[in-house]
Amino acid sequence: MMMNVQKNLASEMQQLAADFLRAKNRLAVTIAMYASEGMATLTDADYQELAEFAHVTVSEMTAARNAFNEINTAMGEYTTGTAVTRLMRIVNAVPK
């Protein structure tokens, strides 16, 4: 029989897995939109026009996009043996 702490840990793992899977889907869309919406053509001045991005440079945004790519790649696709497939096995719903 599971102890409460074990139940809590299993629940937390299940929730984190679901969160990661939702994030993977958002990552894929964000990466695709970065390319299709011409984000690479923006300049530092374009970012500085908006207060919430005034501190952001093109190189920082590009580095963030590259990090998104790396994370998305590390998670893998929904195929046998990948991290996302292993996470899918413990969640009880298809991620949105």
PDB file of N, CA and C in Angstrom:
ATOM      1  N   MET A   1       0.844  -1.177   0.000  1.00  0.00           N
ATOM      2  CA  MET A   1       0.000   0.000   0.000  1.00  0.00           C
ATOM      3  C   MET A   1       0.893   1.246   0.000  1.00  0.00           C
ATOM      4  N   MET A   2       0.507   2.228  -0.797  1.00  0.00           N
ATOM      5  CA  MET A   2       1.296   3.452  -0.891  1.00  0.00           C
ATOM      6  C   MET A   2       1.102   4.330   0.334  1.00  0.00           C
ATOM      7  N   MET A   3       2.229   4.895   0.791  1.00  0.00           N
ATOM      8  CA  MET A   3       2.157   5.881   1.863  1.00  0.00           C
ATOM      9  C   MET A   3       1.717   7.214   1.255  1.00  0.00           C
ATOM     10  N   ASN A   4       1.216   8.119   2.079  1.00  0.00           N
ATOM     11  CA  ASN A   4       0.749   9.417   1.586  1.00  0.00           C
ATOM     12  C   ASN A   4       1.832  10.167   0.824  1.00  0.00           C
ATOM     13  N   VAL A   5       3.042  10.163   1.344  1.00  0.00           N
ATOM     14  CA  VAL A   5       4.120  10.877   0.667  1.00  0.00           C
ATOM     15  C   VAL A   5       4.384  10.265  -0.715  1.00  0.00           C
ATOM     16  N   GLN A   6       4.258   8.961  -0.840  1.00  0.00           N
ATOM     17  CA  GLN A   6       4.445   8.309  -2.136  1.00  0.00           C
ATOM     18  C   GLN A   6       3.319   8.683  -3.092  1.00  0.00           C
ATOM     19  N   LYS A   7       2.088   8.718  -2.593  1.00  0.00           N
ATOM     20  CA  LYS A   7       0.952   9.153  -3.416  1.00  0.00           C
ATOM     21  C   LYS A   7       1.161  10.589  -3.884  1.00  0.00           C
ATOM     22  N   ASN A   8       1.613  11.442  -2.960  1.00  0.00           N
ATOM     23  CA  ASN A   8       1.842  12.840  -3.304  1.00  0.00           C
ATOM     24  C   ASN A   8       2.925  12.980  -4.367  1.00  0.00           C
ATOM     25  N   LEU A   9       3.994  12.216  -4.213  1.00  0.00           N
ATOM     26  CA  LEU A   9       5.073  12.265  -5.194  1.00  0.00           C
ATOM     27  C   LEU A   9       4.611  11.748  -6.553  1.00  0.00           C
ATOM     28  N   ALA A  10       3.867  10.664  -6.573  1.00  0.00           N
ATOM     29  CA  ALA A  10       3.342  10.129  -7.834  1.00  0.00           C
ATOM     30  C   ALA A  10       2.424  11.144  -8.500  1.00  0.00           C
ATOM     31  N   SER A  11       1.589  11.804  -7.708  1.00  0.00           N
ATOM     32  CA  SER A  11       0.695  12.833  -8.258  1.00  0.00           C
ATOM     33  C   SER A  11       1.488  14.004  -8.822  1.00  0.00           C
ATOM     34  N   GLU A  12       2.528  14.407  -8.105  1.00  0.00           N
ATOM     35  CA  GLU A  12       3.367  15.522  -8.582  1.00  0.00           C
ATOM     36  C   GLU A  12       4.071  15.150  -9.878  1.00  0.00           C
ATOM     37  N   MET A  13       4.575  13.931  -9.957  1.00  0.00           N
ATOM     38  CA  MET A  13       5.225  13.485 -11.188  1.00  0.00           C
ATOM     39  C   MET A  13       4.235  13.481 -12.353  1.00  0.00           C
ATOM     40  N   GLN A  14       3.023  13.017 -12.084  1.00  0.00           N
ATOM     41  CA  GLN A  14       1.997  12.987 -13.116  1.00  0.00           C
ATOM     42  C   GLN A  14       1.664  14.412 -13.583  1.00  0.00           C
ATOM     43  N   GLN A  15       1.544  15.345 -12.636  1.00  0.00           N
ATOM     44  CA  GLN A  15       1.235  16.732 -12.988  1.00  0.00           C
ATOM     45  C   GLN A  15       2.377  17.377 -13.762  1.00  0.00           C
ATOM     46  N   LEU A  16       3.610  17.160 -13.315  1.00  0.00           N
ATOM     47  CA  LEU A  16       4.756  17.704 -14.038  1.00  0.00           C
ATOM     48  C   LEU A  16       4.835  17.142 -15.453  1.00  0.00           C
ATOM     49  N   ALA A  17       4.591  15.848 -15.599  1.00  0.00           N
ATOM     50  CA  ALA A  17       4.595  15.239 -16.927  1.00  0.00           C
ATOM     51  C   ALA A  17       3.563  15.913 -17.823  1.00  0.00           C
ATOM     52  N   ALA A  18       2.366  16.128 -17.314  1.00  0.00           N
ATOM     53  CA  ALA A  18       1.320  16.793 -18.090  1.00  0.00           C
ATOM     54  C   ALA A  18       1.737  18.221 -18.445  1.00  0.00           C
ATOM     55  N   ASP A  19       2.354  18.923 -17.489  1.00  0.00           N
ATOM     56  CA  ASP A  19       2.825  20.286 -17.755  1.00  0.00           C
ATOM     57  C   ASP A  19       3.882  20.305 -18.852  1.00  0.00           C
ATOM     58  N   PHE A  20       4.845  19.382 -18.774  1.00  0.00           N
ATOM     59  CA  PHE A  20       5.882  19.308 -19.801  1.00  0.00           C
ATOM     60  C   PHE A  20       5.292  19.001 -21.177  1.00  0.00           C
ATOM     61  N   LEU A  21       4.328  18.107 -21.225  1.00  0.00           N
ATOM     62  CA  LEU A  21       3.715  17.747 -22.511  1.00  0.00           C
ATOM     63  C   LEU A  21       2.947  18.926 -23.105  1.00  0.00           C
ATOM     64  N   ARG A  22       2.238  19.673 -22.263  1.00  0.00           N
ATOM     65  CA  ARG A  22       1.569  20.885 -22.760  1.00  0.00           C
ATOM     66  C   ARG A  22       2.600  21.894 -23.262  1.00  0.00           C
ATOM     67  N   ALA A  23       3.688  22.033 -22.520  1.00  0.00           N
ATOM     68  CA  ALA A  23       4.744  22.968 -22.921  1.00  0.00           C
ATOM     69  C   ALA A  23       5.374  22.541 -24.247  1.00  0.00           C
ATOM     70  N   LYS A  24       5.540  21.239 -24.456  1.00  0.00           N
ATOM     71  CA  LYS A  24       6.122  20.765 -25.721  1.00  0.00           C
ATOM     72  C   LYS A  24       5.272  21.200 -26.897  1.00  0.00           C
ATOM     73  N   ASN A  25       3.970  21.069 -26.762  1.00  0.00           N
ATOM     74  CA  ASN A  25       3.090  21.487 -27.848  1.00  0.00           C
ATOM     75  C   ASN A  25       3.193  22.996 -28.084  1.00  0.00           C
ATOM     76  N   ARG A  26       3.250  23.782 -27.007  1.00  0.00           N
ATOM     77  CA  ARG A  26       3.400  25.231 -27.137  1.00  0.00           C
ATOM     78  C   ARG A  26       4.753  25.585 -27.741  1.00  0.00           C
ATOM     79  N   LEU A  27       5.800  24.846 -27.361  1.00  0.00           N
ATOM     80  CA  LEU A  27       7.127  25.075 -27.927  1.00  0.00           C
ATOM     81  C   LEU A  27       7.115  24.886 -29.441  1.00  0.00           C
ATOM     82  N   ALA A  28       6.531  23.804 -29.888  1.00  0.00           N
ATOM     83  CA  ALA A  28       6.505  23.511 -31.322  1.00  0.00           C
ATOM     84  C   ALA A  28       5.806  24.622 -32.098  1.00  0.00           C
ATOM     85  N   VAL A  29       4.696  25.109 -31.583  1.00  0.00           N
ATOM     86  CA  VAL A  29       3.961  26.189 -32.250  1.00  0.00           C
ATOM     87  C   VAL A  29       4.780  27.475 -32.233  1.00  0.00           C
ATOM     88  N   THR A  30       5.376  27.789 -31.089  1.00  0.00           N
ATOM     89  CA  THR A  30       6.166  29.012 -30.964  1.00  0.00           C
ATOM     90  C   THR A  30       7.359  28.996 -31.910  1.00  0.00           C
ATOM     91  N   ILE A  31       8.044  27.875 -31.990  1.00  0.00           N
ATOM     92  CA  ILE A  31       9.192  27.740 -32.884  1.00  0.00           C
ATOM     93  C   ILE A  31       8.761  27.942 -34.341  1.00  0.00           C
ATOM     94  N   ALA A  32       7.666  27.320 -34.723  1.00  0.00           N
ATOM     95  CA  ALA A  32       7.164  27.457 -36.092  1.00  0.00           C
ATOM     96  C   ALA A  32       6.759  28.900 -36.383  1.00  0.00           C
ATOM     97  N   MET A  33       6.082  29.528 -35.435  1.00  0.00           N
ATOM     98  CA  MET A  33       5.636  30.905 -35.650  1.00  0.00           C
ATOM     99  C   MET A  33       6.808  31.889 -35.690  1.00  0.00           C
ATOM    100  N   TYR A  34       7.861  31.639 -34.928  1.00  0.00           N
ATOM    101  CA  TYR A  34       9.042  32.500 -34.947  1.00  0.00           C
ATOM    102  C   TYR A  34       9.565  32.607 -36.377  1.00  0.00           C
ATOM    103  N   ALA A  35       9.603  31.486 -37.061  1.00  0.00           N
ATOM    104  CA  ALA A  35      10.075  31.476 -38.443  1.00  0.00           C
ATOM    105  C   ALA A  35       9.059  32.083 -39.392  1.00  0.00           C
ATOM    106  N   SER A  36       7.800  31.693 -39.274  1.00  0.00           N
ATOM    107  CA  SER A  36       6.795  32.117 -40.255  1.00  0.00           C
ATOM    108  C   SER A  36       6.353  33.571 -40.092  1.00  0.00           C
ATOM    109  N   GLU A  37       6.530  34.150 -38.918  1.00  0.00           N
ATOM    110  CA  GLU A  37       6.084  35.525 -38.682  1.00  0.00           C
ATOM    111  C   GLU A  37       7.207  36.552 -38.792  1.00  0.00           C
ATOM    112  N   GLY A  38       8.337  36.140 -39.312  1.00  0.00           N
ATOM    113  CA  GLY A  38       9.414  37.085 -39.598  1.00  0.00           C
ATOM    114  C   GLY A  38      10.111  37.665 -38.372  1.00  0.00           C
ATOM    115  N   MET A  39      10.139  36.938 -37.281  1.00  0.00           N
ATOM    116  CA  MET A  39      10.794  37.450 -36.073  1.00  0.00           C
ATOM    117  C   MET A  39      12.280  37.721 -36.300  1.00  0.00           C
ATOM    118  N   ALA A  40      12.899  36.977 -37.204  1.00  0.00           N
ATOM    119  CA  ALA A  40      14.328  37.144 -37.471  1.00  0.00           C
ATOM    120  C   ALA A  40      14.641  38.464 -38.175  1.00  0.00           C
ATOM    121  N   THR A  41      13.618  39.123 -38.701  1.00  0.00           N
ATOM    122  CA  THR A  41      13.857  40.395 -39.396  1.00  0.00           C
ATOM    123  C   THR A  41      13.784  41.602 -38.466  1.00  0.00           C
ATOM    124  N   LEU A  42      13.386  41.384 -37.203  1.00  0.00           N
ATOM    125  CA  LEU A  42      13.279  42.494 -36.263  1.00  0.00           C
ATOM    126  C   LEU A  42      14.660  42.998 -35.841  1.00  0.00           C
ATOM    127  N   THR A  43      14.697  44.257 -35.425  1.00  0.00           N
ATOM    128  CA  THR A  43      15.946  44.868 -34.966  1.00  0.00           C
ATOM    129  C   THR A  43      15.837  45.180 -33.475  1.00  0.00           C
ATOM    130  N   ASP A  44      16.961  45.535 -32.872  1.00  0.00           N
ATOM    131  CA  ASP A  44      16.941  45.948 -31.473  1.00  0.00           C
ATOM    132  C   ASP A  44      15.964  47.103 -31.272  1.00  0.00           C
ATOM    133  N   ALA A  45      15.925  48.024 -32.215  1.00  0.00           N
ATOM    134  CA  ALA A  45      15.026  49.183 -32.122  1.00  0.00           C
ATOM    135  C   ALA A  45      13.561  48.744 -32.105  1.00  0.00           C
ATOM    136  N   ASP A  46      13.230  47.708 -32.849  1.00  0.00           N
ATOM    137  CA  ASP A  46      11.849  47.206 -32.853  1.00  0.00           C
ATOM    138  C   ASP A  46      11.449  46.736 -31.456  1.00  0.00           C
ATOM    139  N   TYR A  47      12.342  46.028 -30.790  1.00  0.00           N
ATOM    140  CA  TYR A  47      12.043  45.560 -29.435  1.00  0.00           C
ATOM    141  C   TYR A  47      11.952  46.726 -28.450  1.00  0.00           C
ATOM    142  N   GLN A  48      12.818  47.706 -28.609  1.00  0.00           N
ATOM    143  CA  GLN A  48      12.860  48.828 -27.680  1.00  0.00           C
ATOM    144  C   GLN A  48      11.639  49.737 -27.778  1.00  0.00           C
ATOM    145  N   GLU A  49      10.878  49.622 -28.846  1.00  0.00           N
ATOM    146  CA  GLU A  49       9.647  50.410 -28.983  1.00  0.00           C
ATOM    147  C   GLU A  49       8.591  50.016 -27.950  1.00  0.00           C
ATOM    148  N   LEU A  50       8.661  48.799 -27.451  1.00  0.00           N
ATOM    149  CA  LEU A  50       7.688  48.299 -26.477  1.00  0.00           C
ATOM    150  C   LEU A  50       8.340  48.188 -25.106  1.00  0.00           C
ATOM    151  N   ALA A  51       7.705  48.790 -24.107  1.00  0.00           N
ATOM    152  CA  ALA A  51       8.284  48.827 -22.769  1.00  0.00           C
ATOM    153  C   ALA A  51       8.632  47.441 -22.238  1.00  0.00           C
ATOM    154  N   GLU A  52       7.765  46.453 -22.473  1.00  0.00           N
ATOM    155  CA  GLU A  52       8.020  45.121 -21.923  1.00  0.00           C
ATOM    156  C   GLU A  52       9.178  44.393 -22.592  1.00  0.00           C
ATOM    157  N   PHE A  53       9.658  44.921 -23.725  1.00  0.00           N
ATOM    158  CA  PHE A  53      10.795  44.310 -24.418  1.00  0.00           C
ATOM    159  C   PHE A  53      11.970  45.267 -24.558  1.00  0.00           C
ATOM    160  N   ALA A  54      11.919  46.409 -23.902  1.00  0.00           N
ATOM    161  CA  ALA A  54      12.965  47.427 -24.042  1.00  0.00           C
ATOM    162  C   ALA A  54      14.343  46.910 -23.631  1.00  0.00           C
ATOM    163  N   HIS A  55      14.377  45.933 -22.755  1.00  0.00           N
ATOM    164  CA  HIS A  55      15.644  45.372 -22.273  1.00  0.00           C
ATOM    165  C   HIS A  55      16.138  44.206 -23.127  1.00  0.00           C
ATOM    166  N   VAL A  56      15.378  43.816 -24.150  1.00  0.00           N
ATOM    167  CA  VAL A  56      15.691  42.635 -24.959  1.00  0.00           C
ATOM    168  C   VAL A  56      16.393  43.044 -26.244  1.00  0.00           C
ATOM    169  N   THR A  57      17.433  42.302 -26.589  1.00  0.00           N
ATOM    170  CA  THR A  57      18.115  42.515 -27.866  1.00  0.00           C
ATOM    171  C   THR A  57      17.780  41.375 -28.834  1.00  0.00           C
ATOM    172  N   VAL A  58      18.072  41.597 -30.081  1.00  0.00           N
ATOM    173  CA  VAL A  58      17.844  40.558 -31.088  1.00  0.00           C
ATOM    174  C   VAL A  58      18.655  39.310 -30.747  1.00  0.00           C
ATOM    175  N   SER A  59      19.883  39.496 -30.329  1.00  0.00           N
ATOM    176  CA  SER A  59      20.711  38.318 -30.019  1.00  0.00           C
ATOM    177  C   SER A  59      20.149  37.539 -28.831  1.00  0.00           C
ATOM    178  N   GLU A  60      19.580  38.233 -27.850  1.00  0.00           N
ATOM    179  CA  GLU A  60      18.961  37.540 -26.719  1.00  0.00           C
ATOM    180  C   GLU A  60      17.713  36.777 -27.150  1.00  0.00           C
ATOM    181  N   MET A  61      16.907  37.377 -27.999  1.00  0.00           N
ATOM    182  CA  MET A  61      15.695  36.706 -28.475  1.00  0.00           C
ATOM    183  C   MET A  61      16.071  35.502 -29.338  1.00  0.00           C
ATOM    184  N   THR A  62      17.097  35.656 -30.156  1.00  0.00           N
ATOM    185  CA  THR A  62      17.563  34.536 -30.975  1.00  0.00           C
ATOM    186  C   THR A  62      18.096  33.417 -30.095  1.00  0.00           C
ATOM    187  N   ALA A  63      18.829  33.769 -29.040  1.00  0.00           N
ATOM    188  CA  ALA A  63      19.345  32.759 -28.113  1.00  0.00           C
ATOM    189  C   ALA A  63      18.194  32.039 -27.417  1.00  0.00           C
ATOM    190  N   ALA A  64      17.142  32.773 -27.071  1.00  0.00           N
ATOM    191  CA  ALA A  64      15.971  32.151 -26.439  1.00  0.00           C
ATOM    192  C   ALA A  64      15.284  31.192 -27.413  1.00  0.00           C
ATOM    193  N   ARG A  65      15.130  31.612 -28.661  1.00  0.00           N
ATOM    194  CA  ARG A  65      14.540  30.730 -29.678  1.00  0.00           C
ATOM    195  C   ARG A  65      15.377  29.475 -29.843  1.00  0.00           C
ATOM    196  N   ASN A  66      16.700  29.631 -29.848  1.00  0.00           N
ATOM    197  CA  ASN A  66      17.589  28.480 -29.964  1.00  0.00           C
ATOM    198  C   ASN A  66      17.439  27.551 -28.759  1.00  0.00           C
ATOM    199  N   ALA A  67      17.273  28.127 -27.578  1.00  0.00           N
ATOM    200  CA  ALA A  67      17.049  27.316 -26.374  1.00  0.00           C
ATOM    201  C   ALA A  67      15.739  26.545 -26.494  1.00  0.00           C
ATOM    202  N   PHE A  68      14.701  27.195 -27.007  1.00  0.00           N
ATOM    203  CA  PHE A  68      13.427  26.503 -27.233  1.00  0.00           C
ATOM    204  C   PHE A  68      13.632  25.314 -28.160  1.00  0.00           C
ATOM    205  N   ASN A  69      14.391  25.526 -29.245  1.00  0.00           N
ATOM    206  CA  ASN A  69      14.680  24.431 -30.179  1.00  0.00           C
ATOM    207  C   ASN A  69      15.388  23.283 -29.481  1.00  0.00           C
ATOM    208  N   GLU A  70      16.379  23.610 -28.653  1.00  0.00           N
ATOM    209  CA  GLU A  70      17.152  22.581 -27.955  1.00  0.00           C
ATOM    210  C   GLU A  70      16.269  21.787 -26.990  1.00  0.00           C
ATOM    211  N   ILE A  71      15.424  22.486 -26.252  1.00  0.00           N
ATOM    212  CA  ILE A  71      14.524  21.813 -25.308  1.00  0.00           C
ATOM    213  C   ILE A  71      13.541  20.922 -26.053  1.00  0.00           C
ATOM    214  N   ASN A  72      12.965  21.453 -27.126  1.00  0.00           N
ATOM    215  CA  ASN A  72      12.001  20.697 -27.925  1.00  0.00           C
ATOM    216  C   ASN A  72      12.651  19.443 -28.503  1.00  0.00           C
ATOM    217  N   THR A  73      13.857  19.590 -29.010  1.00  0.00           N
ATOM    218  CA  THR A  73      14.582  18.453 -29.570  1.00  0.00           C
ATOM    219  C   THR A  73      14.908  17.417 -28.499  1.00  0.00           C
ATOM    220  N   ALA A  74      15.333  17.896 -27.327  1.00  0.00           N
ATOM    221  CA  ALA A  74      15.679  16.974 -26.241  1.00  0.00           C
ATOM    222  C   ALA A  74      14.467  16.163 -25.782  1.00  0.00           C
ATOM    223  N   MET A  75      13.299  16.752 -25.824  1.00  0.00           N
ATOM    224  CA  MET A  75      12.089  16.027 -25.413  1.00  0.00           C
ATOM    225  C   MET A  75      11.715  14.958 -26.425  1.00  0.00           C
ATOM    226  N   GLY A  76      12.080  15.174 -27.670  1.00  0.00           N
ATOM    227  CA  GLY A  76      11.808  14.186 -28.706  1.00  0.00           C
ATOM    228  C   GLY A  76      10.401  14.284 -29.258  1.00  0.00           C
ATOM    229  N   GLU A  77      10.126  13.402 -30.191  1.00  0.00           N
ATOM    230  CA  GLU A  77       8.807  13.331 -30.803  1.00  0.00           C
ATOM    231  C   GLU A  77       8.009  12.223 -30.119  1.00  0.00           C
ATOM    232  N   TYR A  78       6.755  12.117 -30.469  1.00  0.00           N
ATOM    233  CA  TYR A  78       5.891  11.093 -29.875  1.00  0.00           C
ATOM    234  C   TYR A  78       6.144   9.749 -30.553  1.00  0.00           C
ATOM    235  N   THR A  79       7.361   9.229 -30.328  1.00  0.00           N
ATOM    236  CA  THR A  79       7.730   7.919 -30.851  1.00  0.00           C
ATOM    237  C   THR A  79       8.330   7.087 -29.720  1.00  0.00           C
ATOM    238  N   THR A  80       8.409   5.810 -29.917  1.00  0.00           N
ATOM    239  CA  THR A  80       8.875   4.885 -28.887  1.00  0.00           C
ATOM    240  C   THR A  80      10.233   5.279 -28.328  1.00  0.00           C
ATOM    241  N   GLY A  81      10.315   5.304 -27.004  1.00  0.00           N
ATOM    242  CA  GLY A  81      11.582   5.509 -26.330  1.00  0.00           C
ATOM    243  C   GLY A  81      11.978   6.948 -26.044  1.00  0.00           C
ATOM    244  N   THR A  82      11.229   7.912 -26.538  1.00  0.00           N
ATOM    245  CA  THR A  82      11.597   9.309 -26.307  1.00  0.00           C
ATOM    246  C   THR A  82      11.087   9.773 -24.942  1.00  0.00           C
ATOM    247  N   ALA A  83      11.628  10.898 -24.500  1.00  0.00           N
ATOM    248  CA  ALA A  83      11.213  11.448 -23.209  1.00  0.00           C
ATOM    249  C   ALA A  83       9.709  11.726 -23.187  1.00  0.00           C
ATOM    250  N   VAL A  84       9.170  12.312 -24.255  1.00  0.00           N
ATOM    251  CA  VAL A  84       7.732  12.631 -24.227  1.00  0.00           C
ATOM    252  C   VAL A  84       6.877  11.376 -24.191  1.00  0.00           C
ATOM    253  N   THR A  85       7.327  10.325 -24.833  1.00  0.00           N
ATOM    254  CA  THR A  85       6.568   9.073 -24.789  1.00  0.00           C
ATOM    255  C   THR A  85       6.585   8.483 -23.380  1.00  0.00           C
ATOM    256  N   ARG A  86       7.737   8.578 -22.722  1.00  0.00           N
ATOM    257  CA  ARG A  86       7.818   8.077 -21.344  1.00  0.00           C
ATOM    258  C   ARG A  86       6.936   8.909 -20.412  1.00  0.00           C
ATOM    259  N   LEU A  87       6.866  10.213 -20.637  1.00  0.00           N
ATOM    260  CA  LEU A  87       5.984  11.062 -19.827  1.00  0.00           C
ATOM    261  C   LEU A  87       4.513  10.741 -20.097  1.00  0.00           C
ATOM    262  N   MET A  88       4.184  10.491 -21.359  1.00  0.00           N
ATOM    263  CA  MET A  88       2.789  10.186 -21.728  1.00  0.00           C
ATOM    264  C   MET A  88       2.261   8.971 -20.972  1.00  0.00           C
ATOM    265  N   ARG A  89       3.121   8.046 -20.653  1.00  0.00           N
ATOM    266  CA  ARG A  89       2.684   6.805 -20.000  1.00  0.00           C
ATOM    267  C   ARG A  89       2.146   7.020 -18.594  1.00  0.00           C
ATOM    268  N   ILE A  90       2.482   8.160 -17.974  1.00  0.00           N
ATOM    269  CA  ILE A  90       2.010   8.362 -16.601  1.00  0.00           C
ATOM    270  C   ILE A  90       0.899   9.400 -16.475  1.00  0.00           C
ATOM    271  N   VAL A  91       0.525  10.046 -17.580  1.00  0.00           N
ATOM    272  CA  VAL A  91      -0.583  11.008 -17.483  1.00  0.00           C
ATOM    273  C   VAL A  91      -1.877  10.321 -17.884  1.00  0.00           C
ATOM    274  N   ASN A  92      -2.971  10.872 -17.418  1.00  0.00           N
ATOM    275  CA  ASN A  92      -4.251  10.225 -17.689  1.00  0.00           C
ATOM    276  C   ASN A  92      -5.125  11.020 -18.666  1.00  0.00           C
ATOM    277  N   ALA A  93      -4.491  11.913 -19.424  1.00  0.00           N
ATOM    278  CA  ALA A  93      -5.231  12.681 -20.438  1.00  0.00           C
ATOM    279  C   ALA A  93      -4.264  13.061 -21.557  1.00  0.00           C
ATOM    280  N   VAL A  94      -4.801  13.241 -22.728  1.00  0.00           N
ATOM    281  CA  VAL A  94      -3.990  13.696 -23.846  1.00  0.00           C
ATOM    282  C   VAL A  94      -3.718  15.183 -23.665  1.00  0.00           C
ATOM    283  N   PRO A  95      -2.442  15.624 -23.709  1.00  0.00           N
ATOM    284  CA  PRO A  95      -2.153  17.046 -23.509  1.00  0.00           C
ATOM    285  C   PRO A  95      -2.695  17.905 -24.633  1.00  0.00           C
ATOM    286  N   LYS A  96      -3.069  19.123 -24.286  1.00  0.00           N
ATOM    287  CA  LYS A  96      -3.603  20.064 -25.289  1.00  0.00           C
ATOM    288  C   LYS A  96      -2.498  20.883 -25.887  1.00  0.00           C
TER     289      LYS A  96
END
